[in-house]
Amino acid sequence: MLKKNDIGVMAPNILLPKRGIDYTLWATVACDQYTSEPEYWEDVERLVGDAPSTLHLMLPELYLEKPGEEERIASIRAKMQEYLENGILEEKGCGFVLVERIANGRSRKGLVLALDLEHYDYNKGSTTLIRASEGTIVERIPPRQKIRRGAPIEMPHIIVLIDDPEKTVIEPLFDKVNEIGAEKLYDFDLMKNGGHITGYFINDEATLNSIVDKLEALKKDVDGLPPLLFALGDGNHSFATAKANWEELKQTLSPAEQENHPARYALVELENLHDDGIIFEPIHRVLFDIPPRETLATLKDYLSKHCEVCEMYITFDKDELNEHIKKYRRYKNIHVLPFVAQGYYGSFVVLNPEAQLEVGSLQVALDAMIADGFFKKSQIDYVHGDDVVFRLANEKRNLGFLLPPMGKNKLFTTVMREGALPRKTFSMGEAHEKRYYLECKKIL
């Protein structure tokens, strides 16, 4: 049994598909991926068909707040109940799952466990042990809460980061798998170029408590600021939705019932920020159904409000744009914001910006334009991969922005000192490297 601790770690009762279920069809990528590529999800639907799958237990964000949403949510609830009642999902007992994911030739290690939502606050200025690393858009929570509210189980694509440069918590466990009698739960290829994943069940009491001790040792402050132990890496809005759902639910519970209610704890995968397999990829922006030239001119005005000088540069040559970017990115006090539109390329050069990161300069301006109603009939999407930006932005009335990656080593100190980064600042890998839904946990 896991000892009580003040860092919010809990050993959940893990649910996984019973023997004989095709795990490749069971595990599907996070719902917030491929939101501008319906063909991806259509292909997954063809692959899965009626087979037991997490596809039937979640709503791809492509379909969020679209016609048929209520019917899809009702179907999700029915499937969850069916999988529980018919034994498709089986309890493995209380413990952690040690995971190794290999994608794009890189190994990434993790530990699936549950975190106490009472130790988390997504609001700006939060000083809790668990914090968002990027800004949370509270307007995105209610439509997601409609899916979680009343659902009997949860399954995470949430990845929570720890700052463990000496690799004391997760990595040593792989050398002890046989010694502690960890059962191999799964070992299979993920669909749609997702790589390979292996998982081991850890329920040895001494090992579980040792893990908690090592996590507690990572709790440290910076410059006297409140310590940050767990930083949301992926699935920020899913974790925020779990928190909002718990805050709503606990109003109906007595203090005693609140103590151990399953919805109080959210299932996540812990990963070490210093894992060699974790690479921070930039998240680009694509604007759909807008007049590109007019939008660029307006955006220049909005950018100019937050810097000393803003200049716009346009070329019809991609190589020329790359040289232009290299020229200006050598300087610390300049942000370069490259863009792509049908038939031409360009960039904004921003001198002495208020924001520390390029994404901050761009997002502040875009948010202000949204608030002023500029994008009433258009849409902004957040995408991975330069190739996707070039493909989408070269369609008529679209405009794409390419952003640089941020270094990962200063994430924790930056969040502690300055608060959450601008939303959609970084991505831990490209879309097909995101966490696939696999383990489940009861929340009712």
Protein backbone atom coordinates (compact mmCIF):
# COMPACT_ATOMS: atom_id res chain seq x y z
CA MET A 1 0.00 0.00 0.00
CA LEU A 2 1.30 3.45 -0.91
CA LYS A 3 2.06 5.61 2.11
CA LYS A 4 0.31 8.92 2.62
CA ASN A 5 2.31 11.78 1.18
CA ASP A 6 2.05 15.55 0.85
CA ILE A 7 2.93 15.72 -2.85
CA GLY A 8 -0.39 14.38 -4.13
CA VAL A 9 0.75 11.05 -5.57
CA MET A 10 -1.69 8.13 -5.55
CA ALA A 11 -1.43 4.53 -6.79
CA PRO A 12 -4.54 4.09 -9.00
CA ASN A 13 -6.46 0.92 -9.70
CA ILE A 14 -5.40 0.45 -13.34
CA LEU A 15 -7.90 -0.72 -15.96
CA LEU A 16 -6.65 -2.33 -19.18
CA PRO A 17 -8.24 -4.43 -21.94
CA LYS A 18 -8.55 -8.14 -21.21
CA ARG A 19 -6.34 -10.73 -22.87
CA GLY A 20 -7.17 -11.25 -26.55
CA ILE A 21 -8.03 -7.62 -27.33
CA ASP A 22 -5.95 -6.14 -30.16
CA TYR A 23 -3.97 -3.40 -28.38
CA THR A 24 -2.93 -1.81 -31.66
CA LEU A 25 -6.58 -1.09 -32.40
CA TRP A 26 -7.30 -0.25 -28.77
CA ALA A 27 -4.78 2.61 -28.41
CA THR A 28 -5.49 5.84 -30.33
CA VAL A 29 -3.64 9.13 -30.32
CA ALA A 30 -4.64 12.15 -28.20
CA CYS A 31 -7.95 13.77 -29.15
CA ASP A 32 -6.36 17.21 -29.67
CA GLN A 33 -4.20 16.09 -32.59
CA TYR A 34 -4.88 16.37 -36.36
CA THR A 35 -7.63 18.93 -35.76
CA SER A 36 -7.28 20.26 -39.31
CA GLU A 37 -6.85 16.84 -40.91
CA PRO A 38 -10.19 14.99 -40.86
CA GLU A 39 -8.73 12.36 -43.17
CA TYR A 40 -6.54 11.12 -40.28
CA TRP A 41 -9.53 10.38 -38.04
CA GLU A 42 -11.53 8.95 -40.93
CA ASP A 43 -8.69 6.50 -41.56
CA VAL A 44 -8.57 5.54 -37.85
CA GLU A 45 -12.31 4.87 -37.96
CA ARG A 46 -11.81 2.56 -40.95
CA LEU A 47 -8.96 0.73 -39.21
CA VAL A 48 -10.82 0.24 -35.92
CA GLY A 49 -14.34 -0.49 -37.16
CA ASP A 50 -16.33 -2.06 -34.32
CA ALA A 51 -13.29 -3.46 -32.46
CA PRO A 52 -12.84 -2.46 -28.80
CA SER A 53 -10.94 0.81 -28.93
CA THR A 54 -10.34 4.05 -27.09
CA LEU A 55 -11.58 5.68 -30.29
CA HIS A 56 -15.08 4.83 -29.04
CA LEU A 57 -14.34 6.36 -25.62
CA MET A 58 -13.24 9.85 -26.65
CA LEU A 59 -14.22 12.70 -28.93
CA PRO A 60 -11.57 13.97 -31.36
CA GLU A 61 -11.49 17.75 -31.01
CA LEU A 62 -12.10 17.94 -34.74
CA TYR A 63 -15.76 17.21 -33.84
CA LEU A 64 -15.95 19.34 -30.69
CA GLU A 65 -18.94 21.74 -30.70
CA LYS A 66 -19.99 20.49 -34.13
CA PRO A 67 -23.32 18.97 -35.23
CA GLY A 68 -23.80 15.52 -33.74
CA GLU A 69 -21.68 16.26 -30.66
CA GLU A 70 -24.39 15.30 -28.15
CA GLU A 71 -24.98 11.97 -29.90
CA ARG A 72 -21.23 11.25 -29.89
CA ILE A 73 -20.98 12.01 -26.15
CA ALA A 74 -23.95 9.74 -25.39
CA SER A 75 -22.28 6.98 -27.42
CA ILE A 76 -19.01 7.47 -25.48
CA ARG A 77 -20.80 7.02 -22.14
CA ALA A 78 -22.61 3.93 -23.38
CA LYS A 79 -19.37 2.35 -24.63
CA MET A 80 -17.58 3.06 -21.34
CA GLN A 81 -20.36 1.31 -19.44
CA GLU A 82 -20.40 -1.56 -21.94
CA TYR A 83 -16.65 -2.12 -21.64
CA LEU A 84 -16.92 -2.20 -17.84
CA GLU A 85 -19.96 -4.48 -17.69
CA ASN A 86 -18.81 -6.90 -20.40
CA GLY A 87 -15.30 -7.33 -19.03
CA ILE A 88 -13.54 -5.64 -21.95
CA LEU A 89 -11.74 -3.58 -19.30
CA GLU A 90 -10.19 -5.47 -16.39
CA GLU A 91 -8.78 -4.21 -13.08
CA LYS A 92 -5.06 -4.86 -12.68
CA GLY A 93 -4.93 -3.62 -9.09
CA CYS A 94 -3.37 -0.55 -7.49
CA GLY A 95 0.06 0.47 -8.68
CA PHE A 96 2.10 2.41 -11.22
CA VAL A 97 2.78 1.53 -14.86
CA LEU A 98 6.35 1.91 -16.09
CA VAL A 99 6.30 2.81 -19.78
CA GLU A 100 8.82 2.96 -22.60
CA ARG A 101 7.72 4.52 -25.88
CA ILE A 102 9.91 4.37 -28.98
CA ALA A 103 8.95 6.74 -31.79
CA ASN A 104 11.04 8.31 -34.54
CA GLY A 105 13.92 6.16 -33.32
CA ARG A 106 13.91 7.84 -29.88
CA SER A 107 13.12 6.15 -26.56
CA ARG A 108 11.01 8.05 -24.02
CA LYS A 109 10.33 6.70 -20.54
CA GLY A 110 7.40 7.40 -18.25
CA LEU A 111 5.47 6.38 -15.16
CA VAL A 112 1.66 6.25 -15.12
CA LEU A 113 0.15 7.21 -11.77
CA ALA A 114 -2.54 9.50 -10.34
CA LEU A 115 -2.15 13.05 -9.01
CA ASP A 116 -4.33 14.80 -6.46
CA LEU A 117 -6.23 17.67 -8.09
CA GLU A 118 -6.27 19.47 -4.74
CA HIS A 119 -2.57 20.18 -5.36
CA TYR A 120 -3.32 21.92 -8.69
CA ASP A 121 -4.59 25.33 -9.73
CA TYR A 122 -4.68 26.40 -13.39
CA ASN A 123 -5.37 30.07 -12.66
CA LYS A 124 -2.80 32.74 -13.40
CA GLY A 125 -0.38 33.27 -10.52
CA SER A 126 -0.80 29.74 -9.17
CA THR A 127 1.83 28.58 -6.66
CA THR A 128 0.63 24.98 -6.22
CA LEU A 129 2.91 21.92 -6.51
CA ILE A 130 1.23 21.02 -9.82
CA ARG A 131 1.03 23.87 -12.34
CA ALA A 132 0.28 24.55 -15.96
CA SER A 133 3.43 25.34 -17.93
CA GLU A 134 1.36 27.22 -20.52
CA GLY A 135 -1.59 29.56 -20.22
CA THR A 136 -4.98 27.88 -19.72
CA ILE A 137 -7.90 29.14 -21.78
CA VAL A 138 -10.81 28.77 -19.37
CA GLU A 139 -13.30 29.02 -22.25
CA ARG A 140 -11.99 25.69 -23.53
CA ILE A 141 -12.95 23.85 -20.34
CA PRO A 142 -16.82 23.77 -20.45
CA PRO A 143 -17.14 21.93 -23.79
CA ARG A 144 -14.62 19.34 -22.60
CA GLN A 145 -16.34 19.06 -19.25
CA LYS A 146 -19.52 17.95 -21.02
CA ILE A 147 -17.64 14.79 -21.99
CA ARG A 148 -16.14 14.12 -18.55
CA ARG A 149 -19.19 15.01 -16.46
CA GLY A 150 -20.91 11.75 -15.55
CA ALA A 151 -18.37 9.55 -17.38
CA PRO A 152 -17.54 6.41 -15.35
CA ILE A 153 -13.88 6.22 -16.41
CA GLU A 154 -11.02 8.42 -17.58
CA MET A 155 -8.03 7.72 -19.79
CA PRO A 156 -5.19 10.20 -20.07
CA HIS A 157 -3.18 11.72 -22.84
CA ILE A 158 -1.81 13.99 -20.11
CA ILE A 159 1.97 14.09 -19.68
CA VAL A 160 3.31 15.74 -16.53
CA LEU A 161 6.98 16.69 -16.35
CA ILE A 162 9.40 16.39 -13.44
CA ASP A 163 12.73 18.23 -13.26
CA ASP A 164 15.15 15.37 -12.52
CA PRO A 165 18.53 16.09 -14.17
CA GLU A 166 20.24 13.26 -12.26
CA LYS A 167 17.58 10.78 -13.49
CA THR A 168 16.83 9.38 -10.03
CA VAL A 169 13.12 8.51 -10.31
CA ILE A 170 12.00 6.86 -13.55
CA GLU A 171 15.09 5.69 -15.38
CA PRO A 172 16.54 3.37 -12.64
CA LEU A 173 13.29 1.41 -12.50
CA PHE A 174 14.02 -0.26 -15.84
CA ASP A 175 17.02 -2.01 -14.28
CA LYS A 176 14.82 -3.40 -11.49
CA VAL A 177 11.90 -4.81 -13.49
CA ASN A 178 12.83 -8.44 -12.81
CA GLU A 179 14.05 -7.81 -9.26
CA ILE A 180 10.72 -6.30 -8.14
CA GLY A 181 8.59 -8.77 -10.11
CA ALA A 182 7.02 -6.16 -12.39
CA GLU A 183 4.48 -7.81 -14.71
CA LYS A 184 4.74 -6.94 -18.41
CA LEU A 185 1.29 -5.56 -19.25
CA TYR A 186 1.74 -4.85 -22.94
CA ASP A 187 4.32 -4.77 -25.71
CA PHE A 188 3.01 -3.75 -29.14
CA ASP A 189 3.15 -1.39 -32.11
CA LEU A 190 0.95 1.71 -32.03
CA MET A 191 -1.20 2.46 -35.06
CA LYS A 192 -0.57 5.18 -37.63
CA ASN A 193 3.21 5.53 -37.26
CA GLY A 194 3.01 5.89 -33.48
CA GLY A 195 6.02 3.67 -32.80
CA HIS A 196 6.26 0.92 -30.18
CA ILE A 197 5.23 0.88 -26.53
CA THR A 198 5.97 -1.44 -23.59
CA GLY A 199 4.46 -1.26 -20.11
CA TYR A 200 5.25 -2.95 -16.76
CA PHE A 201 3.02 -3.03 -13.68
CA ILE A 202 4.69 -1.98 -10.42
CA ASN A 203 2.79 -2.88 -7.26
CA ASP A 204 5.66 -3.74 -4.93
CA GLU A 205 5.03 -1.65 -1.80
CA ALA A 206 8.68 -0.87 -1.08
CA THR A 207 9.26 0.25 -4.67
CA LEU A 208 6.15 2.42 -4.74
CA ASN A 209 7.15 4.19 -1.54
CA SER A 210 10.72 4.59 -2.74
CA ILE A 211 9.41 6.34 -5.87
CA VAL A 212 7.42 8.77 -3.70
CA ASP A 213 10.50 9.46 -1.56
CA LYS A 214 12.56 10.28 -4.65
CA LEU A 215 9.82 12.53 -6.02
CA GLU A 216 9.65 14.38 -2.69
CA ALA A 217 13.41 14.96 -2.92
CA LEU A 218 12.88 16.88 -6.18
CA LYS A 219 10.70 19.45 -4.41
CA LYS A 220 12.81 22.57 -4.27
CA ASP A 221 12.29 26.29 -4.58
CA VAL A 222 14.06 28.88 -6.72
CA ASP A 223 15.01 32.23 -5.18
CA GLY A 224 12.64 31.53 -2.28
CA LEU A 225 9.64 31.09 -4.58
CA PRO A 226 7.02 28.38 -3.85
CA PRO A 227 8.28 25.03 -5.21
CA LEU A 228 7.04 23.52 -8.45
CA LEU A 229 7.21 19.71 -8.54
CA PHE A 230 4.94 18.75 -11.45
CA ALA A 231 4.60 20.86 -14.63
CA LEU A 232 1.98 20.05 -17.26
CA GLY A 233 3.73 19.09 -20.47
CA ASP A 234 0.85 17.81 -22.63
CA GLY A 235 -2.89 17.72 -22.04
CA ASN A 236 -3.05 20.98 -20.07
CA HIS A 237 -6.75 21.54 -20.84
CA SER A 238 -7.64 17.92 -20.13
CA PHE A 239 -6.09 18.21 -16.67
CA ALA A 240 -7.85 21.56 -16.15
CA THR A 241 -11.13 19.89 -17.15
CA ALA A 242 -10.52 17.14 -14.58
CA LYS A 243 -9.99 19.87 -11.96
CA ALA A 244 -13.14 21.77 -12.94
CA ASN A 245 -15.14 18.54 -12.86
CA TRP A 246 -13.80 17.68 -9.40
CA GLU A 247 -14.57 21.16 -8.03
CA GLU A 248 -18.15 20.77 -9.26
CA LEU A 249 -18.54 17.22 -7.98
CA LYS A 250 -17.07 17.79 -4.54
CA GLN A 251 -19.80 20.32 -3.73
CA THR A 252 -22.15 17.32 -3.53
CA LEU A 253 -19.88 15.29 -1.23
CA SER A 254 -19.25 15.28 2.51
CA PRO A 255 -15.67 16.00 3.71
CA ALA A 256 -15.21 12.29 4.38
CA GLU A 257 -16.41 11.35 0.87
CA GLN A 258 -14.08 13.92 -0.67
CA GLU A 259 -10.98 12.35 0.89
CA ASN A 260 -10.82 9.28 -1.34
CA HIS A 261 -13.25 9.95 -4.16
CA PRO A 262 -11.76 8.59 -7.44
CA ALA A 263 -12.53 11.81 -9.36
CA ARG A 264 -10.21 13.70 -7.00
CA TYR A 265 -7.23 11.96 -8.62
CA ALA A 266 -6.37 12.28 -12.31
CA LEU A 267 -4.45 9.63 -14.23
CA VAL A 268 -1.29 10.98 -15.90
CA GLU A 269 2.04 9.86 -17.26
CA LEU A 270 5.06 11.37 -15.50
CA GLU A 271 8.10 11.98 -17.68
CA ASN A 272 11.49 13.47 -16.88
CA LEU A 273 12.15 16.79 -18.61
CA HIS A 274 15.75 15.62 -19.03
CA ASP A 275 14.86 12.38 -20.83
CA ASP A 276 16.92 12.35 -24.03
CA GLY A 277 13.81 11.31 -25.94
CA ILE A 278 11.91 14.49 -25.07
CA ILE A 279 12.35 17.16 -27.70
CA PHE A 280 10.45 20.42 -27.59
CA GLU A 281 8.93 21.09 -31.00
CA PRO A 282 7.40 24.43 -31.93
CA ILE A 283 3.63 24.75 -32.35
CA HIS A 284 2.81 26.77 -35.44
CA ARG A 285 -0.29 28.83 -36.25
CA VAL A 286 -2.52 28.62 -39.32
CA LEU A 287 -5.30 31.12 -39.97
CA PHE A 288 -8.13 29.90 -42.20
CA ASP A 289 -10.52 31.77 -44.47
CA ILE A 290 -9.05 35.25 -44.09
CA PRO A 291 -7.75 37.85 -46.58
CA PRO A 292 -3.97 37.35 -46.08
CA ARG A 293 -2.75 40.81 -47.15
CA GLU A 294 -5.34 42.66 -45.08
CA THR A 295 -4.67 40.39 -42.10
CA LEU A 296 -0.91 40.94 -42.29
CA ALA A 297 -1.33 44.72 -42.43
CA THR A 298 -3.62 44.66 -39.40
CA LEU A 299 -1.36 42.27 -37.52
CA LYS A 300 1.57 44.62 -38.09
CA ASP A 301 -0.37 47.38 -36.32
CA TYR A 302 -1.17 45.12 -33.36
CA LEU A 303 2.45 43.90 -33.10
CA SER A 304 3.68 47.51 -33.12
CA LYS A 305 1.84 48.20 -29.86
CA HIS A 306 4.20 45.84 -27.99
CA CYS A 307 7.63 46.64 -29.41
CA GLU A 308 9.90 49.49 -30.43
CA VAL A 309 9.78 48.83 -34.19
CA CYS A 310 7.92 46.28 -36.35
CA GLU A 311 8.80 45.82 -40.01
CA MET A 312 7.22 43.47 -42.55
CA TYR A 313 9.33 41.70 -45.18
CA ILE A 314 7.87 39.80 -48.18
CA THR A 315 9.57 37.58 -50.76
CA PHE A 316 8.54 35.02 -53.36
CA ASP A 317 11.63 32.90 -52.71
CA LYS A 318 11.68 30.39 -49.85
CA ASP A 319 15.49 30.28 -49.68
CA GLU A 320 15.63 34.06 -49.50
CA LEU A 321 13.25 33.95 -46.54
CA ASN A 322 15.49 31.43 -44.75
CA GLU A 323 18.51 33.70 -45.19
CA HIS A 324 16.49 36.63 -43.90
CA ILE A 325 15.50 34.65 -40.78
CA LYS A 326 19.11 33.58 -40.08
CA LYS A 327 20.30 37.16 -40.40
CA TYR A 328 18.01 38.53 -37.69
CA ARG A 329 17.78 35.59 -35.28
CA ARG A 330 21.41 36.17 -34.30
CA TYR A 331 20.31 39.14 -32.19
CA LYS A 332 18.83 38.79 -28.69
CA ASN A 333 16.52 41.81 -28.78
CA ILE A 334 14.80 40.89 -32.06
CA HIS A 335 11.91 38.52 -32.75
CA VAL A 336 11.43 37.14 -36.25
CA LEU A 337 7.94 35.84 -37.11
CA PRO A 338 7.98 34.08 -40.50
CA PHE A 339 4.72 33.60 -42.40
CA VAL A 340 3.53 31.75 -45.50
CA ALA A 341 0.59 32.56 -47.74
CA GLN A 342 -0.49 31.38 -51.14
CA GLY A 343 2.35 32.22 -53.53
CA TYR A 344 4.63 34.19 -51.20
CA TYR A 345 6.62 34.15 -47.98
CA GLY A 346 7.59 36.79 -45.45
CA SER A 347 8.23 37.73 -41.86
CA PHE A 348 7.72 40.39 -39.23
CA VAL A 349 10.90 41.70 -37.62
CA VAL A 350 10.08 42.94 -34.12
CA LEU A 351 12.68 45.11 -32.32
CA ASN A 352 12.80 45.18 -28.50
CA PRO A 353 9.60 43.17 -27.95
CA GLU A 354 7.86 43.09 -24.58
CA ALA A 355 7.49 39.29 -24.70
CA GLN A 356 10.47 37.02 -24.03
CA LEU A 357 9.58 34.47 -26.71
CA GLU A 358 8.55 34.84 -30.36
CA VAL A 359 5.37 32.93 -29.65
CA GLY A 360 4.52 35.49 -26.98
CA SER A 361 4.83 38.40 -29.41
CA LEU A 362 2.63 36.69 -31.98
CA GLN A 363 0.02 35.29 -29.59
CA VAL A 364 -0.55 38.58 -27.77
CA ALA A 365 -1.27 40.28 -31.11
CA LEU A 366 -3.51 37.46 -32.35
CA ASP A 367 -5.44 37.38 -29.05
CA ALA A 368 -6.01 41.14 -29.26
CA MET A 369 -7.30 40.78 -32.82
CA ILE A 370 -9.64 37.99 -31.69
CA ALA A 371 -10.91 40.16 -28.82
CA ASP A 372 -11.59 43.00 -31.27
CA GLY A 373 -13.62 40.69 -33.52
CA PHE A 374 -11.21 40.54 -36.43
CA PHE A 375 -11.56 36.77 -36.90
CA LYS A 376 -15.35 36.45 -36.62
CA LYS A 377 -15.72 34.25 -39.70
CA SER A 378 -12.30 32.62 -39.65
CA GLN A 379 -10.47 30.08 -37.52
CA ILE A 380 -7.01 29.69 -35.98
CA ASP A 381 -5.49 26.24 -35.60
CA TYR A 382 -2.32 25.14 -33.83
CA VAL A 383 -0.36 22.59 -35.87
CA HIS A 384 2.84 20.55 -35.73
CA GLY A 385 5.41 20.31 -38.51
CA ASP A 386 6.65 22.83 -41.07
CA ASP A 387 5.30 20.70 -43.90
CA VAL A 388 1.74 20.95 -42.54
CA VAL A 389 2.03 24.74 -42.34
CA PHE A 390 3.29 25.02 -45.92
CA ARG A 391 0.56 22.69 -47.20
CA LEU A 392 -2.32 24.43 -45.42
CA ALA A 393 -1.04 27.99 -45.87
CA ASN A 394 -0.69 27.58 -49.61
CA GLU A 395 -4.43 27.04 -49.92
CA LYS A 396 -6.50 30.06 -50.90
CA ARG A 397 -7.35 32.54 -48.09
CA ASN A 398 -5.10 30.83 -45.53
CA LEU A 399 -2.07 32.21 -43.71
CA GLY A 400 0.54 30.25 -41.73
CA PHE A 401 3.11 31.31 -39.12
CA LEU A 402 6.27 29.30 -38.41
CA LEU A 403 7.69 29.54 -34.89
CA PRO A 404 11.08 28.42 -33.52
CA PRO A 405 11.48 25.77 -30.79
CA MET A 406 12.20 26.80 -27.20
CA GLY A 407 14.93 25.27 -25.03
CA LYS A 408 13.52 22.86 -22.45
CA ASN A 409 16.10 23.08 -19.64
CA LYS A 410 14.82 26.37 -18.22
CA LEU A 411 11.13 25.44 -18.23
CA PHE A 412 10.72 24.95 -14.48
CA THR A 413 12.66 28.03 -13.40
CA THR A 414 10.86 30.18 -15.98
CA VAL A 415 7.42 29.04 -14.80
CA MET A 416 8.36 29.58 -11.15
CA ARG A 417 9.70 33.07 -11.80
CA GLU A 418 7.37 34.35 -14.51
CA GLY A 419 4.30 32.12 -14.42
CA ALA A 420 2.82 30.07 -17.25
CA LEU A 421 4.24 30.52 -20.74
CA PRO A 422 2.03 31.77 -23.59
CA ARG A 423 -0.41 29.06 -24.63
CA LYS A 424 0.73 26.62 -27.29
CA THR A 425 4.38 27.58 -26.80
CA PHE A 426 5.87 24.14 -27.30
CA SER A 427 5.00 20.57 -28.13
CA MET A 428 6.75 17.45 -26.88
CA GLY A 429 7.25 15.93 -30.30
CA GLU A 430 5.09 15.98 -33.37
CA ALA A 431 1.50 14.78 -33.61
CA HIS A 432 2.22 11.06 -34.11
CA GLU A 433 4.56 11.11 -31.07
CA LYS A 434 1.83 12.29 -28.69
CA ARG A 435 0.56 10.02 -25.95
CA TYR A 436 -1.88 7.35 -27.07
CA TYR A 437 -4.87 6.50 -24.86
CA LEU A 438 -4.20 3.17 -23.17
CA GLU A 439 -4.63 2.81 -19.38
CA CYS A 440 -7.95 3.75 -17.78
CA LYS A 441 -9.18 4.50 -14.25
CA LYS A 442 -12.64 4.71 -12.70
CA ILE A 443 -13.72 8.21 -11.65
CA LEU A 444 -17.23 7.35 -10.40
